[in-house]
Amino acid sequence: MQASTSEEYGVAKRRRYAKRIGTQMWESQLRKGSLMLAVLATLRHERLYGSEIRRRLEQLAGLTVSDSVIYPLLRRLQKTDFLETERIEPAVGQSKRYFALSRSGHEYLSELSNIWKEFADGMDRVLATSHRTHPQSAA
């Protein structure tokens, strides 16, 4: 039995670390890239305030989004006229800013949804093909 050298251990350790960082980075980028679509979809049927949007994203999609990410995104969507806002002053407590899709926001959501569906369908086909062990046996 040959003992592994510290050099071999270091290489294996770096590979495991690089793999973990690589998949974590990929997942992070995937989440960032789909966050706008998720926020717009969350607002499809009702107006919500920021904390409600964050809770919905976590409940429905497992997306944990911080205030430092969600509010700048909501401001960008508002500046592009995809969102309308309304500040509500409750009888007790602080006012809340509610966000709702504008007409152009609904159109943009529809476009993004179609692009997402085409992309996801294509990726599903690629992944299904890559998982086949014997492509000739499908005859």
N, C-alpha and C. Protein backbone atom coordinates (compact mmCIF):
# COMPACT_ATOMS: atom_id res chain seq x y z
N MET A 1 0.85 -1.17 0.00
CA MET A 1 0.00 0.00 0.00
C MET A 1 0.89 1.23 0.00
N GLN A 2 0.64 2.12 -0.96
CA GLN A 2 1.48 3.29 -1.09
C GLN A 2 0.78 4.49 -0.45
N ALA A 3 1.47 5.15 0.44
CA ALA A 3 0.91 6.34 1.09
C ALA A 3 0.96 7.50 0.12
N SER A 4 -0.08 8.30 0.12
CA SER A 4 -0.07 9.45 -0.77
C SER A 4 0.81 10.54 -0.18
N THR A 5 1.48 11.21 -1.06
CA THR A 5 2.37 12.28 -0.61
C THR A 5 1.55 13.53 -0.33
N SER A 6 2.13 14.44 0.40
CA SER A 6 1.43 15.68 0.69
C SER A 6 1.16 16.45 -0.59
N GLU A 7 2.03 16.27 -1.59
CA GLU A 7 1.84 16.93 -2.87
C GLU A 7 0.58 16.40 -3.56
N GLU A 8 0.41 15.07 -3.59
CA GLU A 8 -0.79 14.48 -4.20
C GLU A 8 -2.04 14.91 -3.45
N TYR A 9 -1.95 14.94 -2.13
CA TYR A 9 -3.11 15.36 -1.32
C TYR A 9 -3.48 16.80 -1.64
N GLY A 10 -2.46 17.65 -1.78
CA GLY A 10 -2.71 19.06 -2.09
C GLY A 10 -3.42 19.22 -3.43
N VAL A 11 -3.01 18.44 -4.42
CA VAL A 11 -3.63 18.51 -5.75
C VAL A 11 -5.09 18.08 -5.66
N ALA A 12 -5.35 16.97 -4.98
CA ALA A 12 -6.72 16.47 -4.85
C ALA A 12 -7.58 17.47 -4.10
N LYS A 13 -7.01 18.05 -3.06
CA LYS A 13 -7.75 19.02 -2.27
C LYS A 13 -8.10 20.25 -3.12
N ARG A 14 -7.14 20.72 -3.92
CA ARG A 14 -7.40 21.88 -4.78
C ARG A 14 -8.46 21.55 -5.82
N ARG A 15 -8.45 20.32 -6.37
CA ARG A 15 -9.47 19.94 -7.36
C ARG A 15 -10.85 19.95 -6.73
N ARG A 16 -10.98 19.38 -5.54
CA ARG A 16 -12.28 19.38 -4.86
C ARG A 16 -12.74 20.80 -4.59
N TYR A 17 -11.83 21.65 -4.14
CA TYR A 17 -12.15 23.05 -3.86
C TYR A 17 -12.58 23.77 -5.13
N ALA A 18 -11.82 23.59 -6.20
CA ALA A 18 -12.14 24.25 -7.47
C ALA A 18 -13.50 23.79 -7.99
N LYS A 19 -13.78 22.50 -7.85
CA LYS A 19 -15.07 21.97 -8.31
C LYS A 19 -16.21 22.59 -7.51
N ARG A 20 -16.03 22.66 -6.19
CA ARG A 20 -17.08 23.22 -5.34
C ARG A 20 -17.29 24.69 -5.67
N ILE A 21 -16.21 25.45 -5.78
CA ILE A 21 -16.32 26.86 -6.12
C ILE A 21 -16.95 27.02 -7.50
N GLY A 22 -16.55 26.18 -8.44
CA GLY A 22 -17.09 26.27 -9.79
C GLY A 22 -18.59 26.08 -9.84
N THR A 23 -19.09 25.05 -9.18
CA THR A 23 -20.54 24.81 -9.21
C THR A 23 -21.28 25.86 -8.40
N GLN A 24 -20.70 26.30 -7.30
CA GLN A 24 -21.34 27.36 -6.51
C GLN A 24 -21.40 28.65 -7.31
N MET A 25 -20.33 28.96 -8.02
CA MET A 25 -20.32 30.18 -8.83
C MET A 25 -21.33 30.07 -9.97
N TRP A 26 -21.41 28.91 -10.60
CA TRP A 26 -22.35 28.71 -11.68
C TRP A 26 -23.78 28.88 -11.18
N GLU A 27 -24.08 28.25 -10.04
CA GLU A 27 -25.42 28.37 -9.47
C GLU A 27 -25.74 29.81 -9.12
N SER A 28 -24.78 30.53 -8.56
CA SER A 28 -24.96 31.93 -8.22
C SER A 28 -25.28 32.76 -9.46
N GLN A 29 -24.55 32.54 -10.53
CA GLN A 29 -24.79 33.27 -11.77
C GLN A 29 -26.16 32.92 -12.37
N LEU A 30 -26.53 31.65 -12.27
CA LEU A 30 -27.83 31.22 -12.77
C LEU A 30 -28.95 31.93 -12.00
N ARG A 31 -28.82 31.98 -10.69
CA ARG A 31 -29.82 32.66 -9.86
C ARG A 31 -29.89 34.15 -10.18
N LYS A 32 -28.73 34.79 -10.30
CA LYS A 32 -28.71 36.22 -10.63
C LYS A 32 -29.36 36.48 -11.97
N GLY A 33 -29.08 35.62 -12.94
CA GLY A 33 -29.62 35.81 -14.27
C GLY A 33 -31.12 35.60 -14.35
N SER A 34 -31.67 34.84 -13.45
CA SER A 34 -33.11 34.57 -13.50
C SER A 34 -33.90 35.37 -12.47
N LEU A 35 -33.23 36.17 -11.66
CA LEU A 35 -33.92 36.89 -10.59
C LEU A 35 -34.93 37.90 -11.13
N MET A 36 -34.58 38.62 -12.18
CA MET A 36 -35.52 39.59 -12.72
C MET A 36 -36.80 38.91 -13.18
N LEU A 37 -36.68 37.81 -13.88
CA LEU A 37 -37.85 37.05 -14.31
C LEU A 37 -38.67 36.60 -13.11
N ALA A 38 -38.01 36.11 -12.08
CA ALA A 38 -38.71 35.64 -10.88
C ALA A 38 -39.46 36.78 -10.20
N VAL A 39 -38.85 37.95 -10.11
CA VAL A 39 -39.51 39.10 -9.47
C VAL A 39 -40.72 39.52 -10.28
N LEU A 40 -40.56 39.63 -11.58
CA LEU A 40 -41.69 40.02 -12.43
C LEU A 40 -42.83 39.00 -12.33
N ALA A 41 -42.49 37.72 -12.34
CA ALA A 41 -43.52 36.68 -12.25
C ALA A 41 -44.23 36.73 -10.91
N THR A 42 -43.51 37.07 -9.86
CA THR A 42 -44.12 37.18 -8.53
C THR A 42 -45.17 38.28 -8.51
N LEU A 43 -44.97 39.31 -9.33
CA LEU A 43 -45.90 40.44 -9.35
C LEU A 43 -46.96 40.32 -10.45
N ARG A 44 -47.04 39.18 -11.09
CA ARG A 44 -47.96 39.01 -12.23
C ARG A 44 -49.42 39.31 -11.86
N HIS A 45 -49.88 38.84 -10.69
CA HIS A 45 -51.30 38.93 -10.38
C HIS A 45 -51.64 39.87 -9.23
N GLU A 46 -50.62 40.40 -8.54
CA GLU A 46 -50.94 41.26 -7.41
C GLU A 46 -49.77 42.19 -7.10
N ARG A 47 -50.09 43.25 -6.39
CA ARG A 47 -49.04 44.16 -5.96
C ARG A 47 -48.53 43.70 -4.59
N LEU A 48 -47.23 43.85 -4.41
CA LEU A 48 -46.59 43.41 -3.18
C LEU A 48 -45.54 44.44 -2.78
N TYR A 49 -45.20 44.47 -1.51
CA TYR A 49 -44.08 45.31 -1.09
C TYR A 49 -42.83 44.45 -1.02
N GLY A 50 -41.67 45.09 -0.90
CA GLY A 50 -40.39 44.42 -1.02
C GLY A 50 -40.22 43.16 -0.19
N SER A 51 -40.56 43.22 1.09
CA SER A 51 -40.40 42.05 1.97
C SER A 51 -41.30 40.89 1.53
N GLU A 52 -42.49 41.23 1.04
CA GLU A 52 -43.39 40.17 0.55
C GLU A 52 -42.80 39.50 -0.70
N ILE A 53 -42.20 40.29 -1.56
CA ILE A 53 -41.58 39.73 -2.77
C ILE A 53 -40.45 38.78 -2.36
N ARG A 54 -39.61 39.22 -1.43
CA ARG A 54 -38.51 38.37 -0.96
C ARG A 54 -39.04 37.07 -0.36
N ARG A 55 -40.07 37.15 0.45
CA ARG A 55 -40.65 35.93 1.06
C ARG A 55 -41.20 34.98 0.01
N ARG A 56 -41.90 35.52 -0.98
CA ARG A 56 -42.45 34.68 -2.05
C ARG A 56 -41.35 33.98 -2.83
N LEU A 57 -40.30 34.72 -3.14
CA LEU A 57 -39.18 34.12 -3.89
C LEU A 57 -38.57 32.98 -3.10
N GLU A 58 -38.46 33.15 -1.80
CA GLU A 58 -37.89 32.08 -0.99
C GLU A 58 -38.85 30.89 -0.88
N GLN A 59 -40.13 31.17 -0.66
CA GLN A 59 -41.12 30.09 -0.52
C GLN A 59 -41.30 29.31 -1.82
N LEU A 60 -41.44 30.02 -2.92
CA LEU A 60 -41.76 29.37 -4.19
C LEU A 60 -40.56 28.79 -4.92
N ALA A 61 -39.42 29.48 -4.83
CA ALA A 61 -38.28 29.06 -5.66
C ALA A 61 -37.02 28.76 -4.85
N GLY A 62 -37.09 28.92 -3.55
CA GLY A 62 -35.90 28.69 -2.74
C GLY A 62 -34.83 29.74 -2.96
N LEU A 63 -35.23 30.91 -3.49
CA LEU A 63 -34.28 31.99 -3.74
C LEU A 63 -34.21 32.89 -2.52
N THR A 64 -33.07 32.93 -1.87
CA THR A 64 -32.86 33.83 -0.75
C THR A 64 -32.23 35.09 -1.30
N VAL A 65 -32.93 36.20 -1.18
CA VAL A 65 -32.49 37.47 -1.75
C VAL A 65 -32.41 38.51 -0.64
N SER A 66 -31.30 39.18 -0.57
CA SER A 66 -31.12 40.21 0.47
C SER A 66 -31.74 41.53 0.02
N ASP A 67 -31.96 42.42 0.99
CA ASP A 67 -32.46 43.75 0.68
C ASP A 67 -31.52 44.49 -0.28
N SER A 68 -30.22 44.26 -0.10
CA SER A 68 -29.24 44.96 -0.93
C SER A 68 -29.27 44.50 -2.39
N VAL A 69 -29.98 43.43 -2.67
CA VAL A 69 -30.14 42.94 -4.04
C VAL A 69 -31.54 43.28 -4.56
N ILE A 70 -32.56 43.06 -3.75
CA ILE A 70 -33.93 43.20 -4.24
C ILE A 70 -34.31 44.66 -4.52
N TYR A 71 -33.95 45.58 -3.62
CA TYR A 71 -34.39 46.96 -3.81
C TYR A 71 -33.73 47.66 -4.99
N PRO A 72 -32.43 47.47 -5.24
CA PRO A 72 -31.87 48.05 -6.47
C PRO A 72 -32.52 47.47 -7.73
N LEU A 73 -32.83 46.17 -7.71
CA LEU A 73 -33.50 45.55 -8.85
C LEU A 73 -34.89 46.16 -9.04
N LEU A 74 -35.63 46.34 -7.96
CA LEU A 74 -36.96 46.94 -8.06
C LEU A 74 -36.87 48.38 -8.58
N ARG A 75 -35.86 49.13 -8.16
CA ARG A 75 -35.67 50.50 -8.66
C ARG A 75 -35.36 50.50 -10.16
N ARG A 76 -34.50 49.56 -10.60
CA ARG A 76 -34.19 49.48 -12.04
C ARG A 76 -35.44 49.15 -12.84
N LEU A 77 -36.24 48.22 -12.35
CA LEU A 77 -37.47 47.85 -13.06
C LEU A 77 -38.46 49.01 -13.08
N GLN A 78 -38.46 49.80 -12.03
CA GLN A 78 -39.34 50.97 -11.99
C GLN A 78 -38.85 52.02 -12.99
N LYS A 79 -37.54 52.24 -13.06
CA LYS A 79 -36.99 53.24 -13.98
C LYS A 79 -37.24 52.87 -15.44
N THR A 80 -37.32 51.57 -15.73
CA THR A 80 -37.59 51.13 -17.10
C THR A 80 -39.08 51.03 -17.38
N ASP A 81 -39.88 51.50 -16.44
CA ASP A 81 -41.35 51.52 -16.56
C ASP A 81 -42.00 50.14 -16.60
N PHE A 82 -41.31 49.13 -16.08
CA PHE A 82 -41.92 47.80 -15.98
C PHE A 82 -42.72 47.66 -14.69
N LEU A 83 -42.45 48.54 -13.73
CA LEU A 83 -43.17 48.51 -12.45
C LEU A 83 -43.79 49.86 -12.16
N GLU A 84 -44.93 49.79 -11.49
CA GLU A 84 -45.55 50.99 -10.94
C GLU A 84 -45.47 50.86 -9.42
N THR A 85 -45.36 51.98 -8.74
CA THR A 85 -45.28 51.91 -7.28
C THR A 85 -46.37 52.78 -6.67
N GLU A 86 -46.73 52.41 -5.47
CA GLU A 86 -47.71 53.18 -4.70
C GLU A 86 -47.31 53.08 -3.23
N ARG A 87 -47.21 54.23 -2.59
CA ARG A 87 -46.87 54.26 -1.18
C ARG A 87 -48.17 54.30 -0.38
N ILE A 88 -48.32 53.35 0.53
CA ILE A 88 -49.51 53.23 1.36
C ILE A 88 -49.15 53.64 2.79
N GLU A 89 -49.91 54.56 3.33
CA GLU A 89 -49.73 55.00 4.72
C GLU A 89 -50.75 54.28 5.59
N PRO A 90 -50.32 53.30 6.39
CA PRO A 90 -51.27 52.60 7.26
C PRO A 90 -51.67 53.49 8.45
N ALA A 91 -52.75 53.12 9.11
CA ALA A 91 -53.19 53.86 10.29
C ALA A 91 -52.13 53.81 11.38
N VAL A 92 -51.45 52.67 11.48
CA VAL A 92 -50.40 52.48 12.47
C VAL A 92 -49.16 51.90 11.78
N GLY A 93 -48.00 52.39 12.14
CA GLY A 93 -46.76 51.83 11.59
C GLY A 93 -46.24 52.65 10.43
N GLN A 94 -45.19 52.12 9.82
CA GLN A 94 -44.53 52.82 8.71
C GLN A 94 -45.25 52.59 7.39
N SER A 95 -45.07 53.55 6.51
CA SER A 95 -45.65 53.41 5.17
C SER A 95 -44.89 52.32 4.42
N LYS A 96 -45.56 51.74 3.43
CA LYS A 96 -44.95 50.70 2.61
C LYS A 96 -45.12 51.06 1.15
N ARG A 97 -44.07 50.77 0.39
CA ARG A 97 -44.13 51.00 -1.05
C ARG A 97 -44.49 49.68 -1.71
N TYR A 98 -45.62 49.68 -2.40
CA TYR A 98 -46.08 48.49 -3.11
C TYR A 98 -45.67 48.57 -4.56
N PHE A 99 -45.31 47.42 -5.12
CA PHE A 99 -44.89 47.33 -6.50
C PHE A 99 -45.90 46.50 -7.28
N ALA A 100 -46.18 46.91 -8.50
CA ALA A 100 -47.09 46.17 -9.38
C ALA A 100 -46.56 46.27 -10.80
N LEU A 101 -46.87 45.28 -11.61
CA LEU A 101 -46.46 45.32 -13.01
C LEU A 101 -47.25 46.38 -13.76
N SER A 102 -46.56 47.14 -14.58
CA SER A 102 -47.22 48.06 -15.50
C SER A 102 -47.64 47.26 -16.74
N ARG A 103 -48.28 47.93 -17.67
CA ARG A 103 -48.64 47.26 -18.92
C ARG A 103 -47.39 46.76 -19.64
N SER A 104 -46.37 47.61 -19.72
CA SER A 104 -45.13 47.18 -20.39
C SER A 104 -44.43 46.10 -19.57
N GLY A 105 -44.60 46.09 -18.25
CA GLY A 105 -44.04 45.03 -17.41
C GLY A 105 -44.68 43.69 -17.72
N HIS A 106 -45.99 43.69 -17.94
CA HIS A 106 -46.68 42.44 -18.31
C HIS A 106 -46.17 41.93 -19.66
N GLU A 107 -45.98 42.85 -20.61
CA GLU A 107 -45.48 42.46 -21.93
C GLU A 107 -44.06 41.92 -21.83
N TYR A 108 -43.23 42.58 -21.03
CA TYR A 108 -41.84 42.15 -20.85
C TYR A 108 -41.79 40.79 -20.17
N LEU A 109 -42.63 40.58 -19.16
CA LEU A 109 -42.70 39.29 -18.49
C LEU A 109 -43.08 38.19 -19.48
N SER A 110 -44.02 38.48 -20.35
CA SER A 110 -44.44 37.50 -21.35
C SER A 110 -43.26 37.15 -22.27
N GLU A 111 -42.52 38.17 -22.72
CA GLU A 111 -41.36 37.92 -23.58
C GLU A 111 -40.30 37.09 -22.86
N LEU A 112 -39.97 37.50 -21.63
CA LEU A 112 -38.96 36.76 -20.86
C LEU A 112 -39.40 35.33 -20.59
N SER A 113 -40.68 35.13 -20.29
CA SER A 113 -41.20 33.79 -20.03
C SER A 113 -41.05 32.89 -21.24
N ASN A 114 -41.33 33.43 -22.42
CA ASN A 114 -41.17 32.65 -23.65
C ASN A 114 -39.71 32.28 -23.89
N ILE A 115 -38.82 33.25 -23.68
CA ILE A 115 -37.38 32.98 -23.84
C ILE A 115 -36.93 31.92 -22.85
N TRP A 116 -37.38 32.07 -21.59
CA TRP A 116 -37.01 31.09 -20.55
C TRP A 116 -37.49 29.70 -20.93
N LYS A 117 -38.73 29.59 -21.39
CA LYS A 117 -39.30 28.29 -21.72
C LYS A 117 -38.52 27.63 -22.86
N GLU A 118 -38.21 28.40 -23.90
CA GLU A 118 -37.43 27.86 -25.02
C GLU A 118 -36.05 27.40 -24.55
N PHE A 119 -35.41 28.21 -23.72
CA PHE A 119 -34.09 27.88 -23.21
C PHE A 119 -34.15 26.62 -22.34
N ALA A 120 -35.09 26.59 -21.40
CA ALA A 120 -35.21 25.44 -20.48
C ALA A 120 -35.56 24.17 -21.25
N ASP A 121 -36.45 24.27 -22.23
CA ASP A 121 -36.81 23.10 -23.04
C ASP A 121 -35.57 22.58 -23.79
N GLY A 122 -34.80 23.48 -24.36
CA GLY A 122 -33.59 23.09 -25.06
C GLY A 122 -32.58 22.43 -24.13
N MET A 123 -32.39 23.00 -22.95
CA MET A 123 -31.46 22.42 -21.98
C MET A 123 -31.96 21.05 -21.52
N ASP A 124 -33.26 20.91 -21.33
CA ASP A 124 -33.82 19.61 -20.94
C ASP A 124 -33.53 18.56 -22.01
N ARG A 125 -33.65 18.94 -23.29
CA ARG A 125 -33.36 18.00 -24.38
C ARG A 125 -31.88 17.62 -24.38
N VAL A 126 -31.01 18.60 -24.20
CA VAL A 126 -29.57 18.33 -24.17
C VAL A 126 -29.24 17.41 -23.01
N LEU A 127 -29.76 17.70 -21.84
CA LEU A 127 -29.47 16.88 -20.66
C LEU A 127 -30.03 15.47 -20.80
N ALA A 128 -31.23 15.36 -21.37
CA ALA A 128 -31.82 14.03 -21.58
C ALA A 128 -30.96 13.22 -22.53
N THR A 129 -30.48 13.84 -23.59
CA THR A 129 -29.62 13.16 -24.55
C THR A 129 -28.30 12.75 -23.91
N SER A 130 -27.76 13.62 -23.07
CA SER A 130 -26.46 13.31 -22.46
C SER A 130 -26.56 12.21 -21.41
N HIS A 131 -27.76 11.92 -20.92
CA HIS A 131 -27.94 10.87 -19.92
C HIS A 131 -28.21 9.49 -20.52
N ARG A 132 -28.47 9.45 -21.81
CA ARG A 132 -28.70 8.17 -22.46
C ARG A 132 -27.40 7.39 -22.54
N THR A 133 -27.46 6.15 -22.15
CA THR A 133 -26.24 5.35 -22.20
C THR A 133 -26.09 4.61 -23.52
N HIS A 134 -27.22 4.25 -24.14
CA HIS A 134 -27.18 3.52 -25.40
C HIS A 134 -28.15 4.16 -26.40
N PRO A 135 -27.72 5.21 -27.10
CA PRO A 135 -28.62 5.90 -28.02
C PRO A 135 -29.17 5.00 -29.11
N GLN A 136 -28.42 3.95 -29.54
CA GLN A 136 -28.91 3.10 -30.61
C GLN A 136 -30.05 2.20 -30.15
N SER A 137 -30.18 1.97 -28.86
CA SER A 137 -31.20 1.03 -28.38
C SER A 137 -32.61 1.62 -28.39
N ALA A 138 -32.74 2.88 -28.82
CA ALA A 138 -34.05 3.51 -28.84
C ALA A 138 -34.88 3.08 -30.05
N ALA A 139 -34.36 2.24 -30.90
CA ALA A 139 -35.04 1.81 -32.12
C ALA A 139 -36.20 0.95 -31.88
